[in-house]
């Protein structure tokens, strides 16, 4: 076979392989691809609520509190999108800001959905 010698057959027994890649034969190649993590429905719901609240926030009069909430919402959205997770302390701070009644944020329709989604993650 093109200058290559093949040794005789043999027996290769694998009882169980988990999370690995195996290739057989002179010219075989093994490629390993991690399975994507199962989506966390709670994070999906939170991301949706964060987006809705960011959109509604513009209806309120601009204050230091609404500006802070807007920055925190953007940071949470970016963190979830980039890492698939959110820092608990950041989420707690934002939850407190939204539910404190400051600057009328809690009166927005999407604030309730955000608060509920955040609490599902925070436990």
PDB file of N, CA and C in Angstrom:
ATOM      1  N   UNK A   1       0.840  -1.184   0.000  1.00  0.00           N
ATOM      2  CA  UNK A   1       0.000   0.000   0.000  1.00  0.00           C
ATOM      3  C   UNK A   1       0.876   1.235   0.000  1.00  0.00           C
ATOM      4  N   UNK A   2       1.338   1.642  -1.117  1.00  0.00           N
ATOM      5  CA  UNK A   2       2.097   2.876  -1.237  1.00  0.00           C
ATOM      6  C   UNK A   2       3.306   2.942  -0.322  1.00  0.00           C
ATOM      7  N   UNK A   3       4.026   1.851  -0.126  1.00  0.00           N
ATOM      8  CA  UNK A   3       5.222   1.891   0.685  1.00  0.00           C
ATOM      9  C   UNK A   3       4.964   1.702   2.169  1.00  0.00           C
ATOM     10  N   UNK A   4       3.726   1.657   2.576  1.00  0.00           N
ATOM     11  CA  UNK A   4       3.421   1.469   3.987  1.00  0.00           C
ATOM     12  C   UNK A   4       3.162   0.004   4.255  1.00  0.00           C
ATOM     13  N   UNK A   5       3.607  -0.435   5.385  1.00  0.00           N
ATOM     14  CA  UNK A   5       3.313  -1.796   5.778  1.00  0.00           C
ATOM     15  C   UNK A   5       2.244  -1.768   6.840  1.00  0.00           C
ATOM     16  N   UNK A   6       1.323  -2.650   6.728  1.00  0.00           N
ATOM     17  CA  UNK A   6       0.260  -2.742   7.712  1.00  0.00           C
ATOM     18  C   UNK A   6       0.488  -3.995   8.536  1.00  0.00           C
ATOM     19  N   UNK A   7       0.439  -3.835   9.801  1.00  0.00           N
ATOM     20  CA  UNK A   7       0.590  -5.013  10.649  1.00  0.00           C
ATOM     21  C   UNK A   7      -0.744  -5.730  10.705  1.00  0.00           C
ATOM     22  N   UNK A   8      -0.694  -6.940  11.125  1.00  0.00           N
ATOM     23  CA  UNK A   8      -1.895  -7.751  11.196  1.00  0.00           C
ATOM     24  C   UNK A   8      -2.921  -7.154  12.121  1.00  0.00           C
ATOM     25  N   UNK A   9      -4.089  -7.694  12.010  1.00  0.00           N
ATOM     26  CA  UNK A   9      -5.202  -7.220  12.831  1.00  0.00           C
ATOM     27  C   UNK A   9      -4.910  -7.387  14.295  1.00  0.00           C
ATOM     28  N   UNK A  10      -5.824  -7.121  15.044  1.00  0.00           N
ATOM     29  CA  UNK A  10      -5.685  -7.234  16.484  1.00  0.00           C
ATOM     30  C   UNK A  10      -7.045  -7.017  17.094  1.00  0.00           C
ATOM     31  N   UNK A  11      -7.073  -7.082  18.349  1.00  0.00           N
ATOM     32  CA  UNK A  11      -8.331  -6.868  19.055  1.00  0.00           C
ATOM     33  C   UNK A  11      -8.171  -5.638  19.918  1.00  0.00           C
ATOM     34  N   UNK A  12      -9.105  -4.778  19.791  1.00  0.00           N
ATOM     35  CA  UNK A  12      -9.135  -3.567  20.603  1.00  0.00           C
ATOM     36  C   UNK A  12     -10.512  -3.508  21.216  1.00  0.00           C
ATOM     37  N   UNK A  13     -10.587  -3.499  22.508  1.00  0.00           N
ATOM     38  CA  UNK A  13     -11.874  -3.502  23.189  1.00  0.00           C
ATOM     39  C   UNK A  13     -11.974  -2.254  24.054  1.00  0.00           C
ATOM     40  N   UNK A  14     -13.073  -1.538  23.879  1.00  0.00           N
ATOM     41  CA  UNK A  14     -13.337  -0.360  24.705  1.00  0.00           C
ATOM     42  C   UNK A  14     -14.619  -0.628  25.460  1.00  0.00           C
ATOM     43  N   UNK A  15     -14.527  -0.588  26.741  1.00  0.00           N
ATOM     44  CA  UNK A  15     -15.714  -0.799  27.558  1.00  0.00           C
ATOM     45  C   UNK A  15     -16.619   0.419  27.536  1.00  0.00           C
ATOM     46  N   UNK A  16     -16.025   1.602  27.688  1.00  0.00           N
ATOM     47  CA  UNK A  16     -16.825   2.822  27.722  1.00  0.00           C
ATOM     48  C   UNK A  16     -15.917   4.014  27.474  1.00  0.00           C
ATOM     49  N   UNK A  17     -16.357   4.925  26.633  1.00  0.00           N
ATOM     50  CA  UNK A  17     -15.644   6.174  26.399  1.00  0.00           C
ATOM     51  C   UNK A  17     -16.626   7.301  26.660  1.00  0.00           C
ATOM     52  N   UNK A  18     -16.225   8.219  27.506  1.00  0.00           N
ATOM     53  CA  UNK A  18     -17.075   9.376  27.799  1.00  0.00           C
ATOM     54  C   UNK A  18     -16.260  10.636  27.571  1.00  0.00           C
ATOM     55  N   UNK A  19     -16.768  11.504  26.711  1.00  0.00           N
ATOM     56  CA  UNK A  19     -16.112  12.785  26.493  1.00  0.00           C
ATOM     57  C   UNK A  19     -14.788  12.707  25.788  1.00  0.00           C
ATOM     58  N   UNK A  20     -14.554  11.689  25.033  1.00  0.00           N
ATOM     59  CA  UNK A  20     -13.285  11.561  24.336  1.00  0.00           C
ATOM     60  C   UNK A  20     -13.483  11.360  22.849  1.00  0.00           C
ATOM     61  N   UNK A  21     -12.380  11.281  22.134  1.00  0.00           N
ATOM     62  CA  UNK A  21     -12.413  11.076  20.706  1.00  0.00           C
ATOM     63  C   UNK A  21     -11.418   9.989  20.356  1.00  0.00           C
ATOM     64  N   UNK A  22     -11.822   9.100  19.484  1.00  0.00           N
ATOM     65  CA  UNK A  22     -10.964   7.984  19.085  1.00  0.00           C
ATOM     66  C   UNK A  22     -10.970   7.904  17.570  1.00  0.00           C
ATOM     67  N   UNK A  23      -9.807   7.624  16.992  1.00  0.00           N
ATOM     68  CA  UNK A  23      -9.705   7.424  15.549  1.00  0.00           C
ATOM     69  C   UNK A  23      -8.894   6.168  15.298  1.00  0.00           C
ATOM     70  N   UNK A  24      -9.254   5.402  14.258  1.00  0.00           N
ATOM     71  CA  UNK A  24      -8.563   4.173  13.927  1.00  0.00           C
ATOM     72  C   UNK A  24      -8.106   4.234  12.484  1.00  0.00           C
ATOM     73  N   UNK A  25      -7.026   3.570  12.184  1.00  0.00           N
ATOM     74  CA  UNK A  25      -6.553   3.476  10.819  1.00  0.00           C
ATOM     75  C   UNK A  25      -5.362   4.372  10.579  1.00  0.00           C
ATOM     76  N   UNK A  26      -4.627   4.030   9.515  1.00  0.00           N
ATOM     77  CA  UNK A  26      -3.376   4.720   9.211  1.00  0.00           C
ATOM     78  C   UNK A  26      -3.570   6.205   8.920  1.00  0.00           C
ATOM     79  N   UNK A  27      -4.648   6.588   8.300  1.00  0.00           N
ATOM     80  CA  UNK A  27      -4.831   7.989   7.900  1.00  0.00           C
ATOM     81  C   UNK A  27      -6.031   8.637   8.584  1.00  0.00           C
ATOM     82  N   UNK A  28      -6.467   8.051   9.637  1.00  0.00           N
ATOM     83  CA  UNK A  28      -7.648   8.608  10.306  1.00  0.00           C
ATOM     84  C   UNK A  28      -7.279   9.842  11.119  1.00  0.00           C
ATOM     85  N   UNK A  29      -8.266  10.652  11.365  1.00  0.00           N
ATOM     86  CA  UNK A  29      -8.091  11.857  12.173  1.00  0.00           C
ATOM     87  C   UNK A  29      -9.223  11.916  13.185  1.00  0.00           C
ATOM     88  N   UNK A  30      -8.888  12.314  14.363  1.00  0.00           N
ATOM     89  CA  UNK A  30      -9.906  12.450  15.408  1.00  0.00           C
ATOM     90  C   UNK A  30     -10.172  13.929  15.642  1.00  0.00           C
ATOM     91  N   UNK A  31     -11.418  14.283  15.679  1.00  0.00           N
ATOM     92  CA  UNK A  31     -11.829  15.667  15.946  1.00  0.00           C
ATOM     93  C   UNK A  31     -12.812  15.638  17.101  1.00  0.00           C
ATOM     94  N   UNK A  32     -12.566  16.475  18.063  1.00  0.00           N
ATOM     95  CA  UNK A  32     -13.433  16.509  19.235  1.00  0.00           C
ATOM     96  C   UNK A  32     -14.111  17.873  19.310  1.00  0.00           C
ATOM     97  N   UNK A  33     -15.402  17.852  19.407  1.00  0.00           N
ATOM     98  CA  UNK A  33     -16.170  19.094  19.549  1.00  0.00           C
ATOM     99  C   UNK A  33     -17.039  18.958  20.782  1.00  0.00           C
ATOM    100  N   UNK A  34     -16.926  19.932  21.656  1.00  0.00           N
ATOM    101  CA  UNK A  34     -17.753  19.913  22.862  1.00  0.00           C
ATOM    102  C   UNK A  34     -19.201  20.146  22.462  1.00  0.00           C
ATOM    103  N   UNK A  35     -20.075  19.412  23.069  1.00  0.00           N
ATOM    104  CA  UNK A  35     -21.501  19.633  22.850  1.00  0.00           C
ATOM    105  C   UNK A  35     -21.869  20.956  23.504  1.00  0.00           C
ATOM    106  N   UNK A  36     -22.695  21.741  22.843  1.00  0.00           N
ATOM    107  CA  UNK A  36     -23.081  23.009  23.455  1.00  0.00           C
ATOM    108  C   UNK A  36     -23.851  22.750  24.743  1.00  0.00           C
ATOM    109  N   UNK A  37     -23.640  23.624  25.686  1.00  0.00           N
ATOM    110  CA  UNK A  37     -24.345  23.492  26.962  1.00  0.00           C
ATOM    111  C   UNK A  37     -25.841  23.681  26.743  1.00  0.00           C
ATOM    112  N   UNK A  38     -26.596  22.962  27.511  1.00  0.00           N
ATOM    113  CA  UNK A  38     -28.047  23.097  27.410  1.00  0.00           C
ATOM    114  C   UNK A  38     -28.425  24.514  27.832  1.00  0.00           C
ATOM    115  N   UNK A  39     -29.288  25.153  27.067  1.00  0.00           N
ATOM    116  CA  UNK A  39     -29.660  26.523  27.413  1.00  0.00           C
ATOM    117  C   UNK A  39     -30.413  26.555  28.739  1.00  0.00           C
ATOM    118  N   UNK A  40     -30.127  27.561  29.526  1.00  0.00           N
ATOM    119  CA  UNK A  40     -30.804  27.741  30.800  1.00  0.00           C
ATOM    120  C   UNK A  40     -32.023  28.616  30.540  1.00  0.00           C
ATOM    121  N   UNK A  41     -33.188  28.037  30.671  1.00  0.00           N
ATOM    122  CA  UNK A  41     -34.426  28.766  30.392  1.00  0.00           C
ATOM    123  C   UNK A  41     -34.583  29.981  31.301  1.00  0.00           C
ATOM    124  N   UNK A  42     -34.047  29.886  32.523  1.00  0.00           N
ATOM    125  CA  UNK A  42     -34.144  31.027  33.439  1.00  0.00           C
ATOM    126  C   UNK A  42     -33.314  32.201  32.923  1.00  0.00           C
ATOM    127  N   UNK A  43     -32.135  31.915  32.354  1.00  0.00           N
ATOM    128  CA  UNK A  43     -31.310  32.991  31.793  1.00  0.00           C
ATOM    129  C   UNK A  43     -31.949  33.578  30.551  1.00  0.00           C
ATOM    130  N   UNK A  44     -32.569  32.718  29.740  1.00  0.00           N
ATOM    131  CA  UNK A  44     -33.263  33.208  28.545  1.00  0.00           C
ATOM    132  C   UNK A  44     -34.382  34.159  28.941  1.00  0.00           C
ATOM    133  N   UNK A  45     -35.144  33.779  29.969  1.00  0.00           N
ATOM    134  CA  UNK A  45     -36.247  34.631  30.438  1.00  0.00           C
ATOM    135  C   UNK A  45     -35.713  35.944  30.995  1.00  0.00           C
ATOM    136  N   UNK A  46     -34.600  35.861  31.744  1.00  0.00           N
ATOM    137  CA  UNK A  46     -33.998  37.074  32.293  1.00  0.00           C
ATOM    138  C   UNK A  46     -33.509  37.987  31.179  1.00  0.00           C
ATOM    139  N   UNK A  47     -32.857  37.419  30.183  1.00  0.00           N
ATOM    140  CA  UNK A  47     -32.347  38.221  29.069  1.00  0.00           C
ATOM    141  C   UNK A  47     -33.486  38.929  28.345  1.00  0.00           C
ATOM    142  N   UNK A  48     -34.579  38.230  28.162  1.00  0.00           N
ATOM    143  CA  UNK A  48     -35.757  38.832  27.519  1.00  0.00           C
ATOM    144  C   UNK A  48     -36.318  39.962  28.379  1.00  0.00           C
ATOM    145  N   UNK A  49     -36.397  39.744  29.690  1.00  0.00           N
ATOM    146  CA  UNK A  49     -36.919  40.760  30.602  1.00  0.00           C
ATOM    147  C   UNK A  49     -35.998  41.978  30.669  1.00  0.00           C
ATOM    148  N   UNK A  50     -34.696  41.749  30.653  1.00  0.00           N
ATOM    149  CA  UNK A  50     -33.722  42.842  30.675  1.00  0.00           C
ATOM    150  C   UNK A  50     -33.875  43.703  29.423  1.00  0.00           C
ATOM    151  N   UNK A  51     -34.002  43.060  28.284  1.00  0.00           N
ATOM    152  CA  UNK A  51     -34.159  43.789  27.023  1.00  0.00           C
ATOM    153  C   UNK A  51     -35.438  44.631  27.032  1.00  0.00           C
ATOM    154  N   UNK A  52     -36.537  44.035  27.491  1.00  0.00           N
ATOM    155  CA  UNK A  52     -37.813  44.764  27.539  1.00  0.00           C
ATOM    156  C   UNK A  52     -37.725  45.946  28.496  1.00  0.00           C
ATOM    157  N   UNK A  53     -37.114  45.742  29.650  1.00  0.00           N
ATOM    158  CA  UNK A  53     -36.996  46.822  30.630  1.00  0.00           C
ATOM    159  C   UNK A  53     -36.103  47.939  30.103  1.00  0.00           C
ATOM    160  N   UNK A  54     -35.032  47.584  29.420  1.00  0.00           N
ATOM    161  CA  UNK A  54     -34.166  48.624  28.823  1.00  0.00           C
ATOM    162  C   UNK A  54     -34.947  49.468  27.828  1.00  0.00           C
ATOM    163  N   UNK A  55     -35.793  48.814  27.039  1.00  0.00           N
ATOM    164  CA  UNK A  55     -36.600  49.550  26.060  1.00  0.00           C
ATOM    165  C   UNK A  55     -37.596  50.480  26.735  1.00  0.00           C
ATOM    166  N   UNK A  56     -38.229  50.026  27.801  1.00  0.00           N
ATOM    167  CA  UNK A  56     -39.235  50.838  28.488  1.00  0.00           C
ATOM    168  C   UNK A  56     -38.622  51.938  29.341  1.00  0.00           C
ATOM    169  N   UNK A  57     -37.402  51.758  29.778  1.00  0.00           N
ATOM    170  CA  UNK A  57     -36.751  52.722  30.654  1.00  0.00           C
ATOM    171  C   UNK A  57     -36.703  54.117  30.031  1.00  0.00           C
ATOM    172  N   UNK A  58     -36.614  54.169  28.719  1.00  0.00           N
ATOM    173  CA  UNK A  58     -36.558  55.456  28.026  1.00  0.00           C
ATOM    174  C   UNK A  58     -37.826  56.284  28.166  1.00  0.00           C
ATOM    175  N   UNK A  59     -38.921  55.661  28.590  1.00  0.00           N
ATOM    176  CA  UNK A  59     -40.177  56.391  28.767  1.00  0.00           C
ATOM    177  C   UNK A  59     -40.180  57.216  30.052  1.00  0.00           C
ATOM    178  N   UNK A  60     -39.267  56.930  30.962  1.00  0.00           N
ATOM    179  CA  UNK A  60     -39.191  57.664  32.221  1.00  0.00           C
ATOM    180  C   UNK A  60     -38.319  58.900  32.065  1.00  0.00           C
ATOM    181  N   UNK A  61     -38.556  59.857  32.944  1.00  0.00           N
ATOM    182  CA  UNK A  61     -37.716  61.049  32.973  1.00  0.00           C
ATOM    183  C   UNK A  61     -36.295  60.629  33.337  1.00  0.00           C
ATOM    184  N   UNK A  62     -35.333  61.196  32.666  1.00  0.00           N
ATOM    185  CA  UNK A  62     -33.931  60.854  32.902  1.00  0.00           C
ATOM    186  C   UNK A  62     -33.492  61.380  34.267  1.00  0.00           C
ATOM    187  N   UNK A  63     -32.996  60.484  35.090  1.00  0.00           N
ATOM    188  CA  UNK A  63     -32.451  60.829  36.406  1.00  0.00           C
ATOM    189  C   UNK A  63     -31.167  60.030  36.594  1.00  0.00           C
ATOM    190  N   UNK A  64     -30.480  60.308  37.678  1.00  0.00           N
ATOM    191  CA  UNK A  64     -29.281  59.516  37.977  1.00  0.00           C
ATOM    192  C   UNK A  64     -29.643  58.047  38.158  1.00  0.00           C
ATOM    193  N   UNK A  65     -30.804  57.792  38.771  1.00  0.00           N
ATOM    194  CA  UNK A  65     -31.237  56.423  39.029  1.00  0.00           C
ATOM    195  C   UNK A  65     -31.579  55.687  37.737  1.00  0.00           C
ATOM    196  N   UNK A  66     -32.293  56.354  36.832  1.00  0.00           N
ATOM    197  CA  UNK A  66     -32.629  55.686  35.570  1.00  0.00           C
ATOM    198  C   UNK A  66     -31.373  55.460  34.731  1.00  0.00           C
ATOM    199  N   UNK A  67     -30.426  56.401  34.808  1.00  0.00           N
ATOM    200  CA  UNK A  67     -29.163  56.226  34.076  1.00  0.00           C
ATOM    201  C   UNK A  67     -28.386  55.043  34.643  1.00  0.00           C
ATOM    202  N   UNK A  68     -28.348  54.926  35.977  1.00  0.00           N
ATOM    203  CA  UNK A  68     -27.658  53.800  36.614  1.00  0.00           C
ATOM    204  C   UNK A  68     -28.331  52.484  36.240  1.00  0.00           C
ATOM    205  N   UNK A  69     -29.657  52.471  36.264  1.00  0.00           N
ATOM    206  CA  UNK A  69     -30.390  51.259  35.888  1.00  0.00           C
ATOM    207  C   UNK A  69     -30.102  50.893  34.438  1.00  0.00           C
ATOM    208  N   UNK A  70     -30.071  51.869  33.565  1.00  0.00           N
ATOM    209  CA  UNK A  70     -29.766  51.615  32.159  1.00  0.00           C
ATOM    210  C   UNK A  70     -28.387  51.019  31.972  1.00  0.00           C
ATOM    211  N   UNK A  71     -27.402  51.551  32.700  1.00  0.00           N
ATOM    212  CA  UNK A  71     -26.031  51.022  32.617  1.00  0.00           C
ATOM    213  C   UNK A  71     -25.976  49.583  33.137  1.00  0.00           C
ATOM    214  N   UNK A  72     -26.628  49.343  34.257  1.00  0.00           N
ATOM    215  CA  UNK A  72     -26.619  47.996  34.846  1.00  0.00           C
ATOM    216  C   UNK A  72     -27.357  46.991  33.956  1.00  0.00           C
ATOM    217  N   UNK A  73     -28.474  47.409  33.385  1.00  0.00           N
ATOM    218  CA  UNK A  73     -29.201  46.526  32.473  1.00  0.00           C
ATOM    219  C   UNK A  73     -28.337  46.174  31.267  1.00  0.00           C
ATOM    220  N   UNK A  74     -27.646  47.169  30.733  1.00  0.00           N
ATOM    221  CA  UNK A  74     -26.760  46.919  29.587  1.00  0.00           C
ATOM    222  C   UNK A  74     -25.630  45.967  29.975  1.00  0.00           C
ATOM    223  N   UNK A  75     -25.079  46.145  31.169  1.00  0.00           N
ATOM    224  CA  UNK A  75     -23.986  45.287  31.615  1.00  0.00           C
ATOM    225  C   UNK A  75     -24.470  43.851  31.815  1.00  0.00           C
ATOM    226  N   UNK A  76     -25.655  43.681  32.387  1.00  0.00           N
ATOM    227  CA  UNK A  76     -26.208  42.339  32.591  1.00  0.00           C
ATOM    228  C   UNK A  76     -26.471  41.671  31.245  1.00  0.00           C
ATOM    229  N   UNK A  77     -27.051  42.422  30.326  1.00  0.00           N
ATOM    230  CA  UNK A  77     -27.332  41.878  28.995  1.00  0.00           C
ATOM    231  C   UNK A  77     -26.036  41.444  28.305  1.00  0.00           C
ATOM    232  N   UNK A  78     -25.017  42.274  28.391  1.00  0.00           N
ATOM    233  CA  UNK A  78     -23.730  41.959  27.764  1.00  0.00           C
ATOM    234  C   UNK A  78     -23.083  40.740  28.424  1.00  0.00           C
ATOM    235  N   UNK A  79     -23.149  40.679  29.745  1.00  0.00           N
ATOM    236  CA  UNK A  79     -22.532  39.567  30.467  1.00  0.00           C
ATOM    237  C   UNK A  79     -23.205  38.239  30.115  1.00  0.00           C
ATOM    238  N   UNK A  80     -24.522  38.230  30.072  1.00  0.00           N
ATOM    239  CA  UNK A  80     -25.240  36.996  29.733  1.00  0.00           C
ATOM    240  C   UNK A  80     -24.935  36.582  28.305  1.00  0.00           C
ATOM    241  N   UNK A  81     -24.936  37.535  27.399  1.00  0.00           N
ATOM    242  CA  UNK A  81     -24.674  37.243  25.990  1.00  0.00           C
ATOM    243  C   UNK A  81     -23.250  36.716  25.793  1.00  0.00           C
ATOM    244  N   UNK A  82     -22.293  37.301  26.490  1.00  0.00           N
ATOM    245  CA  UNK A  82     -20.889  36.918  26.313  1.00  0.00           C
ATOM    246  C   UNK A  82     -20.515  35.630  27.038  1.00  0.00           C
ATOM    247  N   UNK A  83     -21.072  35.424  28.235  1.00  0.00           N
ATOM    248  CA  UNK A  83     -20.606  34.306  29.056  1.00  0.00           C
ATOM    249  C   UNK A  83     -21.662  33.246  29.334  1.00  0.00           C
ATOM    250  N   UNK A  84     -22.919  33.571  29.083  1.00  0.00           N
ATOM    251  CA  UNK A  84     -23.985  32.622  29.405  1.00  0.00           C
ATOM    252  C   UNK A  84     -24.283  32.563  30.890  1.00  0.00           C
ATOM    253  N   UNK A  85     -23.839  33.572  31.626  1.00  0.00           N
ATOM    254  CA  UNK A  85     -24.075  33.637  33.063  1.00  0.00           C
ATOM    255  C   UNK A  85     -24.150  35.104  33.471  1.00  0.00           C
ATOM    256  N   UNK A  86     -24.526  35.319  34.713  1.00  0.00           N
ATOM    257  CA  UNK A  86     -24.549  36.683  35.238  1.00  0.00           C
ATOM    258  C   UNK A  86     -24.046  36.651  36.679  1.00  0.00           C
ATOM    259  N   UNK A  87     -23.260  37.635  37.022  1.00  0.00           N
ATOM    260  CA  UNK A  87     -22.707  37.739  38.372  1.00  0.00           C
ATOM    261  C   UNK A  87     -23.840  37.996  39.359  1.00  0.00           C
ATOM    262  N   UNK A  88     -23.904  37.184  40.397  1.00  0.00           N
ATOM    263  CA  UNK A  88     -25.006  37.268  41.356  1.00  0.00           C
ATOM    264  C   UNK A  88     -25.092  38.639  42.020  1.00  0.00           C
ATOM    265  N   UNK A  89     -23.969  39.212  42.408  1.00  0.00           N
ATOM    266  CA  UNK A  89     -23.992  40.509  43.090  1.00  0.00           C
ATOM    267  C   UNK A  89     -24.546  41.601  42.177  1.00  0.00           C
ATOM    268  N   UNK A  90     -24.203  41.550  40.905  1.00  0.00           N
ATOM    269  CA  UNK A  90     -24.719  42.540  39.953  1.00  0.00           C
ATOM    270  C   UNK A  90     -26.230  42.378  39.799  1.00  0.00           C
ATOM    271  N   UNK A  91     -26.678  41.140  39.707  1.00  0.00           N
ATOM    272  CA  UNK A  91     -28.110  40.884  39.548  1.00  0.00           C
ATOM    273  C   UNK A  91     -28.880  41.327  40.790  1.00  0.00           C
ATOM    274  N   UNK A  92     -28.321  41.088  41.973  1.00  0.00           N
ATOM    275  CA  UNK A  92     -28.976  41.523  43.215  1.00  0.00           C
ATOM    276  C   UNK A  92     -29.085  43.044  43.274  1.00  0.00           C
ATOM    277  N   UNK A  93     -27.997  43.734  42.923  1.00  0.00           N
ATOM    278  CA  UNK A  93     -28.000  45.201  42.916  1.00  0.00           C
ATOM    279  C   UNK A  93     -29.070  45.732  41.976  1.00  0.00           C
ATOM    280  N   UNK A  94     -29.135  45.168  40.789  1.00  0.00           N
ATOM    281  CA  UNK A  94     -30.111  45.628  39.801  1.00  0.00           C
ATOM    282  C   UNK A  94     -31.532  45.319  40.261  1.00  0.00           C
ATOM    283  N   UNK A  95     -31.732  44.144  40.830  1.00  0.00           N
ATOM    284  CA  UNK A  95     -33.057  43.778  41.343  1.00  0.00           C
ATOM    285  C   UNK A  95     -33.507  44.775  42.406  1.00  0.00           C
ATOM    286  N   UNK A  96     -32.595  45.117  43.305  1.00  0.00           N
ATOM    287  CA  UNK A  96     -32.905  46.085  44.357  1.00  0.00           C
ATOM    288  C   UNK A  96     -33.236  47.453  43.766  1.00  0.00           C
ATOM    289  N   UNK A  97     -32.475  47.862  42.789  1.00  0.00           N
ATOM    290  CA  UNK A  97     -32.700  49.155  42.141  1.00  0.00           C
ATOM    291  C   UNK A  97     -34.071  49.197  41.468  1.00  0.00           C
ATOM    292  N   UNK A  98     -34.424  48.127  40.785  1.00  0.00           N
ATOM    293  CA  UNK A  98     -35.703  48.082  40.048  1.00  0.00           C
ATOM    294  C   UNK A  98     -36.889  48.000  41.003  1.00  0.00           C
ATOM    295  N   UNK A  99     -36.752  47.253  42.079  1.00  0.00           N
ATOM    296  CA  UNK A  99     -37.895  47.046  42.980  1.00  0.00           C
ATOM    297  C   UNK A  99     -37.992  48.057  44.113  1.00  0.00           C
ATOM    298  N   UNK A 100     -37.026  48.948  44.226  1.00  0.00           N
ATOM    299  CA  UNK A 100     -37.026  49.921  45.329  1.00  0.00           C
ATOM    300  C   UNK A 100     -38.048  51.037  45.139  1.00  0.00           C
ATOM    301  N   UNK A 101     -38.577  51.162  43.951  1.00  0.00           N
ATOM    302  CA  UNK A 101     -39.524  52.241  43.688  1.00  0.00           C
ATOM    303  C   UNK A 101     -38.836  53.533  43.281  1.00  0.00           C
ATOM    304  N   UNK A 102     -37.525  53.535  43.242  1.00  0.00           N
ATOM    305  CA  UNK A 102     -36.768  54.729  42.864  1.00  0.00           C
ATOM    306  C   UNK A 102     -37.062  55.117  41.423  1.00  0.00           C
ATOM    307  N   UNK A 103     -37.328  56.367  41.230  1.00  0.00           N
ATOM    308  CA  UNK A 103     -37.528  56.958  39.899  1.00  0.00           C
ATOM    309  C   UNK A 103     -38.656  56.297  39.111  1.00  0.00           C
ATOM    310  N   UNK A 104     -39.526  55.572  39.780  1.00  0.00           N
ATOM    311  CA  UNK A 104     -40.680  54.984  39.093  1.00  0.00           C
ATOM    312  C   UNK A 104     -40.370  53.783  38.232  1.00  0.00           C
ATOM    313  N   UNK A 105     -39.190  53.227  38.348  1.00  0.00           N
ATOM    314  CA  UNK A 105     -38.814  52.092  37.505  1.00  0.00           C
ATOM    315  C   UNK A 105     -39.738  50.909  37.751  1.00  0.00           C
ATOM    316  N   UNK A 106     -40.086  50.683  39.011  1.00  0.00           N
ATOM    317  CA  UNK A 106     -40.948  49.555  39.361  1.00  0.00           C
ATOM    318  C   UNK A 106     -42.334  49.631  38.756  1.00  0.00           C
ATOM    319  N   UNK A 107     -42.746  50.826  38.323  1.00  0.00           N
ATOM    320  CA  UNK A 107     -44.068  50.995  37.728  1.00  0.00           C
ATOM    321  C   UNK A 107     -44.112  50.540  36.265  1.00  0.00           C
ATOM    322  N   UNK A 108     -42.960  50.323  35.663  1.00  0.00           N
ATOM    323  CA  UNK A 108     -42.931  49.884  34.272  1.00  0.00           C
ATOM    324  C   UNK A 108     -43.432  48.448  34.174  1.00  0.00           C
ATOM    325  N   UNK A 109     -44.167  48.163  33.130  1.00  0.00           N
ATOM    326  CA  UNK A 109     -44.748  46.821  32.956  1.00  0.00           C
ATOM    327  C   UNK A 109     -43.676  45.737  32.964  1.00  0.00           C
ATOM    328  N   UNK A 110     -42.541  46.012  32.374  1.00  0.00           N
ATOM    329  CA  UNK A 110     -41.494  44.999  32.271  1.00  0.00           C
ATOM    330  C   UNK A 110     -40.702  44.823  33.567  1.00  0.00           C
ATOM    331  N   UNK A 111     -40.858  45.731  34.529  1.00  0.00           N
ATOM    332  CA  UNK A 111     -40.119  45.628  35.780  1.00  0.00           C
ATOM    333  C   UNK A 111     -40.528  44.387  36.562  1.00  0.00           C
ATOM    334  N   UNK A 112     -41.804  44.070  36.549  1.00  0.00           N
ATOM    335  CA  UNK A 112     -42.283  42.880  37.251  1.00  0.00           C
ATOM    336  C   UNK A 112     -41.708  41.608  36.661  1.00  0.00           C
ATOM    337  N   UNK A 113     -41.679  41.539  35.331  1.00  0.00           N
ATOM    338  CA  UNK A 113     -41.114  40.364  34.659  1.00  0.00           C
ATOM    339  C   UNK A 113     -39.626  40.240  34.971  1.00  0.00           C
ATOM    340  N   UNK A 114     -38.930  41.367  34.998  1.00  0.00           N
ATOM    341  CA  UNK A 114     -37.513  41.343  35.342  1.00  0.00           C
ATOM    342  C   UNK A 114     -37.321  40.847  36.774  1.00  0.00           C
ATOM    343  N   UNK A 115     -38.069  41.420  37.719  1.00  0.00           N
ATOM    344  CA  UNK A 115     -37.925  41.053  39.128  1.00  0.00           C
ATOM    345  C   UNK A 115     -38.191  39.566  39.334  1.00  0.00           C
ATOM    346  N   UNK A 116     -39.217  39.054  38.669  1.00  0.00           N
ATOM    347  CA  UNK A 116     -39.554  37.636  38.797  1.00  0.00           C
ATOM    348  C   UNK A 116     -38.446  36.753  38.214  1.00  0.00           C
ATOM    349  N   UNK A 117     -37.940  37.115  37.045  1.00  0.00           N
ATOM    350  CA  UNK A 117     -36.871  36.342  36.408  1.00  0.00           C
ATOM    351  C   UNK A 117     -35.596  36.381  37.251  1.00  0.00           C
ATOM    352  N   UNK A 118     -35.284  37.536  37.800  1.00  0.00           N
ATOM    353  CA  UNK A 118     -34.088  37.663  38.627  1.00  0.00           C
ATOM    354  C   UNK A 118     -34.205  36.797  39.878  1.00  0.00           C
ATOM    355  N   UNK A 119     -35.365  36.787  40.499  1.00  0.00           N
ATOM    356  CA  UNK A 119     -35.553  35.998  41.721  1.00  0.00           C
ATOM    357  C   UNK A 119     -35.479  34.500  41.444  1.00  0.00           C
ATOM    358  N   UNK A 120     -35.901  34.074  40.265  1.00  0.00           N
ATOM    359  CA  UNK A 120     -35.770  32.648  39.913  1.00  0.00           C
ATOM    360  C   UNK A 120     -34.315  32.230  39.899  1.00  0.00           C
ATOM    361  N   UNK A 121     -33.447  33.120  39.453  1.00  0.00           N
ATOM    362  CA  UNK A 121     -32.013  32.822  39.420  1.00  0.00           C
ATOM    363  C   UNK A 121     -31.357  32.982  40.779  1.00  0.00           C
ATOM    364  N   UNK A 122     -31.821  33.957  41.528  1.00  0.00           N
ATOM    365  CA  UNK A 122     -31.198  34.241  42.817  1.00  0.00           C
ATOM    366  C   UNK A 122     -31.678  33.287  43.907  1.00  0.00           C
ATOM    367  N   UNK A 123     -32.849  32.713  43.679  1.00  0.00           N
ATOM    368  CA  UNK A 123     -33.375  31.743  44.661  1.00  0.00           C
ATOM    369  C   UNK A 123     -33.973  32.393  45.796  1.00  0.00           C
TER     370      UNK A 123
END
